[in-house]
């Protein structure tokens, strides 16, 4: 198991993921996991370092970004999306409902519906 202090949770199984969801914060990741989405990881901020990028590339080539809906989160989404696409990673973004700062503000049912609706877009 790979352990890193730069993500939450701070371990990754040896098997690779088909895709992962990246969030900014711990509570965002916990909210997704509580809704049954166990392939989510918090990058613990809005910066994707070279080390974090290397770990992501070792896990998958499919990433879903679910960063905060505020201006810093939107800017980080654009920047991280570009970084990942430069590495030939397929990147999709989850759009949160208007007036929602982050996914942790949504209920488990709202998160599950958001993910179900997203599946139709793929």
C-alpha atoms as a PDB file:
ATOM      1  CA  UNK A   1       0.000   0.000   0.000  1.00  0.00           C
ATOM      2  CA  UNK A   2       1.305   3.421  -0.961  1.00  0.00           C
ATOM      3  CA  UNK A   3       1.130   5.922   1.912  1.00  0.00           C
ATOM      4  CA  UNK A   4       1.337   9.660   1.420  1.00  0.00           C
ATOM      5  CA  UNK A   5       0.611  12.492   3.789  1.00  0.00           C
ATOM      6  CA  UNK A   6      -0.373  14.782   0.914  1.00  0.00           C
ATOM      7  CA  UNK A   7      -3.819  13.245   0.339  1.00  0.00           C
ATOM      8  CA  UNK A   8      -6.764  12.051   2.350  1.00  0.00           C
ATOM      9  CA  UNK A   9      -7.081   9.176   2.843  1.00  0.00           C
ATOM     10  CA  UNK A  10      -3.323   8.848   3.066  1.00  0.00           C
ATOM     11  CA  UNK A  11      -3.128   5.383   1.552  1.00  0.00           C
ATOM     12  CA  UNK A  12      -3.865   3.866  -1.821  1.00  0.00           C
ATOM     13  CA  UNK A  13      -4.499   0.211  -2.562  1.00  0.00           C
ATOM     14  CA  UNK A  14      -1.999  -1.445  -4.859  1.00  0.00           C
ATOM     15  CA  UNK A  15      -4.640  -1.935  -7.541  1.00  0.00           C
ATOM     16  CA  UNK A  16      -5.163   0.885 -10.013  1.00  0.00           C
ATOM     17  CA  UNK A  17      -8.416   2.758 -10.266  1.00  0.00           C
ATOM     18  CA  UNK A  18     -10.494   3.161 -13.394  1.00  0.00           C
ATOM     19  CA  UNK A  19     -10.967   6.746 -12.265  1.00  0.00           C
ATOM     20  CA  UNK A  20     -10.817   8.883  -9.157  1.00  0.00           C
ATOM     21  CA  UNK A  21     -12.585  11.981  -7.896  1.00  0.00           C
ATOM     22  CA  UNK A  22     -10.407  14.754  -6.503  1.00  0.00           C
ATOM     23  CA  UNK A  23     -11.761  17.205  -3.946  1.00  0.00           C
ATOM     24  CA  UNK A  24     -10.099  20.110  -2.183  1.00  0.00           C
ATOM     25  CA  UNK A  25     -10.956  19.313   1.378  1.00  0.00           C
ATOM     26  CA  UNK A  26     -11.235  16.509   3.850  1.00  0.00           C
ATOM     27  CA  UNK A  27     -14.955  17.005   4.502  1.00  0.00           C
ATOM     28  CA  UNK A  28     -15.691  17.000   0.762  1.00  0.00           C
ATOM     29  CA  UNK A  29     -14.000  13.621   0.444  1.00  0.00           C
ATOM     30  CA  UNK A  30     -15.747  12.279   3.550  1.00  0.00           C
ATOM     31  CA  UNK A  31     -19.119  13.416   2.184  1.00  0.00           C
ATOM     32  CA  UNK A  32     -18.508  11.518  -1.059  1.00  0.00           C
ATOM     33  CA  UNK A  33     -17.413   8.424   0.836  1.00  0.00           C
ATOM     34  CA  UNK A  34     -20.471   8.639   3.074  1.00  0.00           C
ATOM     35  CA  UNK A  35     -22.560   8.676  -0.117  1.00  0.00           C
ATOM     36  CA  UNK A  36     -20.879   5.410  -1.179  1.00  0.00           C
ATOM     37  CA  UNK A  37     -18.243   6.885  -3.505  1.00  0.00           C
ATOM     38  CA  UNK A  38     -15.040   5.325  -2.219  1.00  0.00           C
ATOM     39  CA  UNK A  39     -12.766   6.373  -5.063  1.00  0.00           C
ATOM     40  CA  UNK A  40     -12.516   9.979  -3.920  1.00  0.00           C
ATOM     41  CA  UNK A  41      -9.395  11.645  -2.582  1.00  0.00           C
ATOM     42  CA  UNK A  42      -8.813  15.083  -1.086  1.00  0.00           C
ATOM     43  CA  UNK A  43      -5.767  16.933  -2.371  1.00  0.00           C
ATOM     44  CA  UNK A  44      -5.874  19.024   0.829  1.00  0.00           C
ATOM     45  CA  UNK A  45      -5.947  22.441  -0.776  1.00  0.00           C
ATOM     46  CA  UNK A  46      -6.239  23.832  -4.259  1.00  0.00           C
ATOM     47  CA  UNK A  47      -2.674  23.134  -5.384  1.00  0.00           C
ATOM     48  CA  UNK A  48      -1.620  19.982  -7.207  1.00  0.00           C
ATOM     49  CA  UNK A  49       2.098  19.483  -6.592  1.00  0.00           C
ATOM     50  CA  UNK A  50       4.375  17.429  -8.839  1.00  0.00           C
ATOM     51  CA  UNK A  51       4.383  14.680  -6.209  1.00  0.00           C
ATOM     52  CA  UNK A  52       0.579  14.546  -6.085  1.00  0.00           C
ATOM     53  CA  UNK A  53       0.448  14.535  -9.887  1.00  0.00           C
ATOM     54  CA  UNK A  54       2.918  11.627  -9.984  1.00  0.00           C
ATOM     55  CA  UNK A  55       0.789   9.609  -7.547  1.00  0.00           C
ATOM     56  CA  UNK A  56      -2.385  10.299  -9.538  1.00  0.00           C
ATOM     57  CA  UNK A  57      -0.667   9.222 -12.776  1.00  0.00           C
ATOM     58  CA  UNK A  58       0.388   5.963 -11.084  1.00  0.00           C
ATOM     59  CA  UNK A  59      -3.255   5.254 -10.176  1.00  0.00           C
ATOM     60  CA  UNK A  60      -5.321   6.246 -13.183  1.00  0.00           C
ATOM     61  CA  UNK A  61      -5.686   8.185 -16.414  1.00  0.00           C
ATOM     62  CA  UNK A  62      -9.280   9.201 -15.620  1.00  0.00           C
ATOM     63  CA  UNK A  63      -9.912  11.989 -13.117  1.00  0.00           C
ATOM     64  CA  UNK A  64     -13.072  13.761 -12.066  1.00  0.00           C
ATOM     65  CA  UNK A  65     -12.520  17.144 -10.445  1.00  0.00           C
ATOM     66  CA  UNK A  66     -14.945  18.242  -7.761  1.00  0.00           C
ATOM     67  CA  UNK A  67     -13.251  21.278  -6.309  1.00  0.00           C
ATOM     68  CA  UNK A  68     -14.990  24.078  -4.451  1.00  0.00           C
ATOM     69  CA  UNK A  69     -17.470  26.280  -6.284  1.00  0.00           C
ATOM     70  CA  UNK A  70     -15.881  29.537  -5.085  1.00  0.00           C
ATOM     71  CA  UNK A  71     -13.527  31.644  -7.231  1.00  0.00           C
ATOM     72  CA  UNK A  72     -10.291  30.020  -5.919  1.00  0.00           C
ATOM     73  CA  UNK A  73     -11.812  26.576  -6.512  1.00  0.00           C
ATOM     74  CA  UNK A  74     -12.877  27.483 -10.045  1.00  0.00           C
ATOM     75  CA  UNK A  75      -9.404  28.841 -10.844  1.00  0.00           C
ATOM     76  CA  UNK A  76      -7.801  25.729  -9.354  1.00  0.00           C
ATOM     77  CA  UNK A  77     -10.119  23.522 -11.417  1.00  0.00           C
ATOM     78  CA  UNK A  78      -8.956  25.177 -14.642  1.00  0.00           C
ATOM     79  CA  UNK A  79      -5.286  24.964 -13.645  1.00  0.00           C
ATOM     80  CA  UNK A  80      -5.396  21.351 -12.442  1.00  0.00           C
ATOM     81  CA  UNK A  81      -7.460  20.294 -15.452  1.00  0.00           C
ATOM     82  CA  UNK A  82      -4.765  21.731 -17.727  1.00  0.00           C
ATOM     83  CA  UNK A  83      -1.975  20.027 -15.770  1.00  0.00           C
ATOM     84  CA  UNK A  84      -3.699  16.664 -15.982  1.00  0.00           C
ATOM     85  CA  UNK A  85      -4.618  17.012 -19.654  1.00  0.00           C
ATOM     86  CA  UNK A  86      -0.975  17.843 -20.430  1.00  0.00           C
ATOM     87  CA  UNK A  87      -0.214  14.355 -19.053  1.00  0.00           C
ATOM     88  CA  UNK A  88      -2.882  12.716 -21.293  1.00  0.00           C
ATOM     89  CA  UNK A  89      -5.328  12.255 -18.442  1.00  0.00           C
ATOM     90  CA  UNK A  90      -9.020  12.331 -19.289  1.00  0.00           C
ATOM     91  CA  UNK A  91     -10.537  14.972 -17.026  1.00  0.00           C
ATOM     92  CA  UNK A  92     -14.177  15.626 -16.248  1.00  0.00           C
ATOM     93  CA  UNK A  93     -15.585  18.177 -13.851  1.00  0.00           C
ATOM     94  CA  UNK A  94     -18.569  17.982 -11.549  1.00  0.00           C
ATOM     95  CA  UNK A  95     -20.663  21.133 -11.562  1.00  0.00           C
ATOM     96  CA  UNK A  96     -22.149  21.827  -8.175  1.00  0.00           C
ATOM     97  CA  UNK A  97     -25.587  23.411  -7.821  1.00  0.00           C
ATOM     98  CA  UNK A  98     -25.684  27.195  -7.806  1.00  0.00           C
ATOM     99  CA  UNK A  99     -25.026  28.767  -4.382  1.00  0.00           C
ATOM    100  CA  UNK A 100     -23.262  25.603  -3.173  1.00  0.00           C
ATOM    101  CA  UNK A 101     -19.682  26.257  -2.024  1.00  0.00           C
ATOM    102  CA  UNK A 102     -18.544  22.646  -1.916  1.00  0.00           C
ATOM    103  CA  UNK A 103     -19.913  19.133  -2.106  1.00  0.00           C
ATOM    104  CA  UNK A 104     -19.823  18.775   1.694  1.00  0.00           C
ATOM    105  CA  UNK A 105     -22.814  21.157   1.833  1.00  0.00           C
ATOM    106  CA  UNK A 106     -24.980  18.598   0.030  1.00  0.00           C
ATOM    107  CA  UNK A 107     -26.865  15.741   1.635  1.00  0.00           C
ATOM    108  CA  UNK A 108     -26.003  12.130   0.864  1.00  0.00           C
ATOM    109  CA  UNK A 109     -29.106  11.875  -1.334  1.00  0.00           C
ATOM    110  CA  UNK A 110     -28.176  15.057  -3.231  1.00  0.00           C
ATOM    111  CA  UNK A 111     -24.650  13.730  -3.822  1.00  0.00           C
ATOM    112  CA  UNK A 112     -25.962  10.397  -5.082  1.00  0.00           C
ATOM    113  CA  UNK A 113     -28.381  12.186  -7.459  1.00  0.00           C
ATOM    114  CA  UNK A 114     -25.591  14.463  -8.673  1.00  0.00           C
ATOM    115  CA  UNK A 115     -23.439  11.416  -9.451  1.00  0.00           C
ATOM    116  CA  UNK A 116     -26.326   9.577 -11.137  1.00  0.00           C
ATOM    117  CA  UNK A 117     -27.047  12.585 -13.347  1.00  0.00           C
ATOM    118  CA  UNK A 118     -23.365  12.821 -14.179  1.00  0.00           C
ATOM    119  CA  UNK A 119     -23.284   9.248 -15.452  1.00  0.00           C
ATOM    120  CA  UNK A 120     -25.706  10.185 -18.210  1.00  0.00           C
ATOM    121  CA  UNK A 121     -23.240  12.833 -19.454  1.00  0.00           C
ATOM    122  CA  UNK A 122     -20.396  10.384 -20.091  1.00  0.00           C
END
